[in-house]
């Protein structure tokens, strides 16, 4: 994983991190990984504003409003959408990811997804441990993507 952007990350501007409250003990790990990776990449983690929403489905509207505010260089959404046996995950996760894509295309503010839908998630110790670590990694990957994308966009002509 390349951790050095091609150009410098802007010295000013904030990053919005929107996290779902469902399965917060796991989802919060992505924020920890995100903040730690930003610091390693030379971006002050205090530049991140954190917003909590009930679930994944609420992320896109918050992302759109935050992106349109003009206060953010990037918006990140994080959630765990589980297969609860009623196929909710089949439409929630794709709807959220597609909406985040639309947010970035409509607002010109990059939007990133740490909205994950594992197959066969069960709330037992083995899965809890695995997804704690997995969400830390995905948060780190999102931080790297934010730094690289924001840096490369800053270098493009307006």
C-alpha atoms as a PDB file:
ATOM      1  CA  UNK A   1       0.000   0.000   0.000  1.00  0.00           C
ATOM      2  CA  UNK A   2       1.548   3.284  -1.146  1.00  0.00           C
ATOM      3  CA  UNK A   3       1.372   5.769   1.723  1.00  0.00           C
ATOM      4  CA  UNK A   4       2.867   8.874   0.162  1.00  0.00           C
ATOM      5  CA  UNK A   5       0.684  11.104  -2.005  1.00  0.00           C
ATOM      6  CA  UNK A   6       1.982  12.324  -5.365  1.00  0.00           C
ATOM      7  CA  UNK A   7       1.434  15.941  -4.260  1.00  0.00           C
ATOM      8  CA  UNK A   8       1.021  17.575  -0.878  1.00  0.00           C
ATOM      9  CA  UNK A   9      -2.242  17.306   1.031  1.00  0.00           C
ATOM     10  CA  UNK A  10      -3.896  20.742   1.404  1.00  0.00           C
ATOM     11  CA  UNK A  11      -2.809  22.565   4.560  1.00  0.00           C
ATOM     12  CA  UNK A  12      -6.352  23.730   5.322  1.00  0.00           C
ATOM     13  CA  UNK A  13      -9.731  22.040   5.207  1.00  0.00           C
ATOM     14  CA  UNK A  14     -11.560  19.389   7.161  1.00  0.00           C
ATOM     15  CA  UNK A  15     -12.622  15.788   6.617  1.00  0.00           C
ATOM     16  CA  UNK A  16     -16.061  14.475   7.610  1.00  0.00           C
ATOM     17  CA  UNK A  17     -16.311  10.922   8.960  1.00  0.00           C
ATOM     18  CA  UNK A  18     -19.874   9.598   9.237  1.00  0.00           C
ATOM     19  CA  UNK A  19     -20.310   6.381  11.176  1.00  0.00           C
ATOM     20  CA  UNK A  20     -23.351   4.219  11.759  1.00  0.00           C
ATOM     21  CA  UNK A  21     -24.337   3.428  15.331  1.00  0.00           C
ATOM     22  CA  UNK A  22     -25.494  -0.107  14.566  1.00  0.00           C
ATOM     23  CA  UNK A  23     -22.660  -2.449  15.546  1.00  0.00           C
ATOM     24  CA  UNK A  24     -20.735   0.588  16.784  1.00  0.00           C
ATOM     25  CA  UNK A  25     -18.243  -1.562  18.682  1.00  0.00           C
ATOM     26  CA  UNK A  26     -17.032  -2.809  15.287  1.00  0.00           C
ATOM     27  CA  UNK A  27     -17.690   0.263  13.090  1.00  0.00           C
ATOM     28  CA  UNK A  28     -15.781   2.500  15.538  1.00  0.00           C
ATOM     29  CA  UNK A  29     -12.660   0.487  14.765  1.00  0.00           C
ATOM     30  CA  UNK A  30     -12.650   1.969  11.265  1.00  0.00           C
ATOM     31  CA  UNK A  31     -12.475   5.452  12.777  1.00  0.00           C
ATOM     32  CA  UNK A  32      -9.532   4.407  14.955  1.00  0.00           C
ATOM     33  CA  UNK A  33      -7.692   3.022  11.930  1.00  0.00           C
ATOM     34  CA  UNK A  34      -8.586   6.098   9.876  1.00  0.00           C
ATOM     35  CA  UNK A  35      -7.264   8.572  12.451  1.00  0.00           C
ATOM     36  CA  UNK A  36      -4.078   6.592  13.108  1.00  0.00           C
ATOM     37  CA  UNK A  37      -3.324   6.304   9.394  1.00  0.00           C
ATOM     38  CA  UNK A  38      -3.957  10.009   8.791  1.00  0.00           C
ATOM     39  CA  UNK A  39      -1.430  10.835  11.485  1.00  0.00           C
ATOM     40  CA  UNK A  40       1.129   8.480   9.911  1.00  0.00           C
ATOM     41  CA  UNK A  41       0.490  10.223   6.585  1.00  0.00           C
ATOM     42  CA  UNK A  42       1.165  13.630   8.120  1.00  0.00           C
ATOM     43  CA  UNK A  43      -2.448  14.846   8.345  1.00  0.00           C
ATOM     44  CA  UNK A  44      -3.525  16.100  11.772  1.00  0.00           C
ATOM     45  CA  UNK A  45      -6.379  13.843  12.992  1.00  0.00           C
ATOM     46  CA  UNK A  46      -7.975  16.866  14.683  1.00  0.00           C
ATOM     47  CA  UNK A  47      -9.021  17.955  11.165  1.00  0.00           C
ATOM     48  CA  UNK A  48     -11.637  15.177  11.201  1.00  0.00           C
ATOM     49  CA  UNK A  49     -15.217  15.915  12.274  1.00  0.00           C
ATOM     50  CA  UNK A  50     -17.099  12.788  13.342  1.00  0.00           C
ATOM     51  CA  UNK A  51     -20.838  12.389  12.852  1.00  0.00           C
ATOM     52  CA  UNK A  52     -22.919   9.478  14.146  1.00  0.00           C
ATOM     53  CA  UNK A  53     -26.066   8.299  12.387  1.00  0.00           C
ATOM     54  CA  UNK A  54     -28.412   5.416  13.260  1.00  0.00           C
ATOM     55  CA  UNK A  55     -27.481   3.116  10.377  1.00  0.00           C
ATOM     56  CA  UNK A  56     -25.915   2.867   6.944  1.00  0.00           C
ATOM     57  CA  UNK A  57     -29.016   4.104   5.131  1.00  0.00           C
ATOM     58  CA  UNK A  58     -28.702   7.510   6.822  1.00  0.00           C
ATOM     59  CA  UNK A  59     -25.107   8.086   5.667  1.00  0.00           C
ATOM     60  CA  UNK A  60     -25.718   9.438   2.125  1.00  0.00           C
ATOM     61  CA  UNK A  61     -27.987  12.343   3.079  1.00  0.00           C
ATOM     62  CA  UNK A  62     -25.548  13.424   5.787  1.00  0.00           C
ATOM     63  CA  UNK A  63     -22.692  13.053   3.294  1.00  0.00           C
ATOM     64  CA  UNK A  64     -24.529  15.193   0.754  1.00  0.00           C
ATOM     65  CA  UNK A  65     -25.291  17.968   3.227  1.00  0.00           C
ATOM     66  CA  UNK A  66     -21.735  17.970   4.575  1.00  0.00           C
ATOM     67  CA  UNK A  67     -20.244  17.985   1.070  1.00  0.00           C
ATOM     68  CA  UNK A  68     -22.521  20.835  -0.013  1.00  0.00           C
ATOM     69  CA  UNK A  69     -21.577  22.884   3.065  1.00  0.00           C
ATOM     70  CA  UNK A  70     -18.233  23.759   1.487  1.00  0.00           C
ATOM     71  CA  UNK A  71     -16.469  22.919   4.758  1.00  0.00           C
ATOM     72  CA  UNK A  72     -14.997  19.539   3.800  1.00  0.00           C
ATOM     73  CA  UNK A  73     -12.246  18.282   1.523  1.00  0.00           C
ATOM     74  CA  UNK A  74     -13.679  14.760   1.727  1.00  0.00           C
ATOM     75  CA  UNK A  75     -16.490  12.755   3.290  1.00  0.00           C
ATOM     76  CA  UNK A  76     -16.166   9.171   4.564  1.00  0.00           C
ATOM     77  CA  UNK A  77     -19.030   6.850   5.504  1.00  0.00           C
ATOM     78  CA  UNK A  78     -18.588   3.742   7.658  1.00  0.00           C
ATOM     79  CA  UNK A  79     -21.082   1.027   8.555  1.00  0.00           C
ATOM     80  CA  UNK A  80     -21.537  -2.696   8.991  1.00  0.00           C
ATOM     81  CA  UNK A  81     -24.568  -3.979   7.077  1.00  0.00           C
ATOM     82  CA  UNK A  82     -25.254  -7.538   8.167  1.00  0.00           C
ATOM     83  CA  UNK A  83     -27.217 -10.309   6.531  1.00  0.00           C
ATOM     84  CA  UNK A  84     -29.982 -10.672   9.092  1.00  0.00           C
ATOM     85  CA  UNK A  85     -31.760 -13.323   7.081  1.00  0.00           C
ATOM     86  CA  UNK A  86     -34.314 -10.943   5.543  1.00  0.00           C
ATOM     87  CA  UNK A  87     -32.232  -9.745   2.572  1.00  0.00           C
ATOM     88  CA  UNK A  88     -32.024  -6.149   3.841  1.00  0.00           C
ATOM     89  CA  UNK A  89     -28.297  -6.168   3.138  1.00  0.00           C
ATOM     90  CA  UNK A  90     -28.998  -6.923  -0.532  1.00  0.00           C
ATOM     91  CA  UNK A  91     -30.461  -3.467  -1.105  1.00  0.00           C
ATOM     92  CA  UNK A  92     -29.066  -1.337   1.738  1.00  0.00           C
ATOM     93  CA  UNK A  93     -25.336  -1.696   1.047  1.00  0.00           C
ATOM     94  CA  UNK A  94     -25.533  -1.116  -2.744  1.00  0.00           C
ATOM     95  CA  UNK A  95     -27.930   1.816  -2.244  1.00  0.00           C
ATOM     96  CA  UNK A  96     -25.538   3.468   0.204  1.00  0.00           C
ATOM     97  CA  UNK A  97     -22.460   2.980  -1.979  1.00  0.00           C
ATOM     98  CA  UNK A  98     -24.269   4.177  -5.119  1.00  0.00           C
ATOM     99  CA  UNK A  99     -25.569   7.227  -3.237  1.00  0.00           C
ATOM    100  CA  UNK A 100     -22.059   8.066  -2.013  1.00  0.00           C
ATOM    101  CA  UNK A 101     -20.857   7.915  -5.610  1.00  0.00           C
ATOM    102  CA  UNK A 102     -23.648  10.285  -6.591  1.00  0.00           C
ATOM    103  CA  UNK A 103     -22.742  12.638  -3.718  1.00  0.00           C
ATOM    104  CA  UNK A 104     -19.188  13.005  -4.957  1.00  0.00           C
ATOM    105  CA  UNK A 105     -20.191  13.459  -8.579  1.00  0.00           C
ATOM    106  CA  UNK A 106     -22.913  16.000  -7.703  1.00  0.00           C
ATOM    107  CA  UNK A 107     -20.866  18.021  -5.193  1.00  0.00           C
ATOM    108  CA  UNK A 108     -17.282  17.659  -6.469  1.00  0.00           C
ATOM    109  CA  UNK A 109     -16.267  16.557  -2.951  1.00  0.00           C
ATOM    110  CA  UNK A 110     -14.779  13.052  -2.868  1.00  0.00           C
ATOM    111  CA  UNK A 111     -16.799  10.524  -0.877  1.00  0.00           C
ATOM    112  CA  UNK A 112     -15.377   7.257   0.449  1.00  0.00           C
ATOM    113  CA  UNK A 113     -17.067   4.096   1.633  1.00  0.00           C
ATOM    114  CA  UNK A 114     -16.166   1.881   4.546  1.00  0.00           C
ATOM    115  CA  UNK A 115     -19.648   0.361   4.329  1.00  0.00           C
ATOM    116  CA  UNK A 116     -19.048  -3.361   4.510  1.00  0.00           C
ATOM    117  CA  UNK A 117     -21.433  -6.279   4.120  1.00  0.00           C
ATOM    118  CA  UNK A 118     -19.884  -9.535   5.311  1.00  0.00           C
ATOM    119  CA  UNK A 119     -21.358 -12.881   4.361  1.00  0.00           C
ATOM    120  CA  UNK A 120     -22.622 -14.890   7.295  1.00  0.00           C
ATOM    121  CA  UNK A 121     -21.777 -12.452  10.095  1.00  0.00           C
ATOM    122  CA  UNK A 122     -22.616 -13.788  13.541  1.00  0.00           C
ATOM    123  CA  UNK A 123     -22.140 -11.988  16.830  1.00  0.00           C
ATOM    124  CA  UNK A 124     -19.798 -14.528  18.401  1.00  0.00           C
ATOM    125  CA  UNK A 125     -16.268 -13.916  19.624  1.00  0.00           C
ATOM    126  CA  UNK A 126     -14.484 -15.207  16.517  1.00  0.00           C
ATOM    127  CA  UNK A 127     -16.386 -12.911  14.130  1.00  0.00           C
ATOM    128  CA  UNK A 128     -16.197  -9.982  16.553  1.00  0.00           C
ATOM    129  CA  UNK A 129     -12.390 -10.282  16.723  1.00  0.00           C
ATOM    130  CA  UNK A 130     -12.049 -10.717  12.971  1.00  0.00           C
ATOM    131  CA  UNK A 131     -14.211  -7.721  12.074  1.00  0.00           C
ATOM    132  CA  UNK A 132     -12.624  -5.499  14.738  1.00  0.00           C
ATOM    133  CA  UNK A 133      -9.305  -5.974  12.952  1.00  0.00           C
ATOM    134  CA  UNK A 134     -10.845  -5.850   9.477  1.00  0.00           C
ATOM    135  CA  UNK A 135     -12.501  -2.496  10.170  1.00  0.00           C
ATOM    136  CA  UNK A 136      -9.226  -1.046  11.467  1.00  0.00           C
ATOM    137  CA  UNK A 137      -7.590  -2.068   8.185  1.00  0.00           C
ATOM    138  CA  UNK A 138     -10.443  -0.643   6.102  1.00  0.00           C
ATOM    139  CA  UNK A 139     -10.226   2.633   8.038  1.00  0.00           C
ATOM    140  CA  UNK A 140      -6.488   2.792   7.294  1.00  0.00           C
ATOM    141  CA  UNK A 141      -7.158   2.115   3.611  1.00  0.00           C
ATOM    142  CA  UNK A 142      -9.799   4.867   3.543  1.00  0.00           C
ATOM    143  CA  UNK A 143      -7.342   7.361   5.062  1.00  0.00           C
ATOM    144  CA  UNK A 144      -4.776   6.494   2.419  1.00  0.00           C
ATOM    145  CA  UNK A 145      -7.396   6.905  -0.316  1.00  0.00           C
ATOM    146  CA  UNK A 146      -8.521  10.260   1.115  1.00  0.00           C
ATOM    147  CA  UNK A 147      -4.985  11.633   1.222  1.00  0.00           C
ATOM    148  CA  UNK A 148      -4.119  10.406  -2.261  1.00  0.00           C
ATOM    149  CA  UNK A 149      -7.396  11.514  -3.851  1.00  0.00           C
ATOM    150  CA  UNK A 150      -7.614  14.935  -2.211  1.00  0.00           C
ATOM    151  CA  UNK A 151      -3.961  15.568  -3.027  1.00  0.00           C
ATOM    152  CA  UNK A 152      -4.330  14.566  -6.668  1.00  0.00           C
ATOM    153  CA  UNK A 153      -7.554  16.568  -7.088  1.00  0.00           C
ATOM    154  CA  UNK A 154      -5.838  19.634  -5.616  1.00  0.00           C
ATOM    155  CA  UNK A 155      -3.218  19.375  -8.371  1.00  0.00           C
ATOM    156  CA  UNK A 156      -5.805  19.320 -11.182  1.00  0.00           C
ATOM    157  CA  UNK A 157      -6.918  22.498 -12.927  1.00  0.00           C
ATOM    158  CA  UNK A 158     -10.240  23.795 -11.578  1.00  0.00           C
END
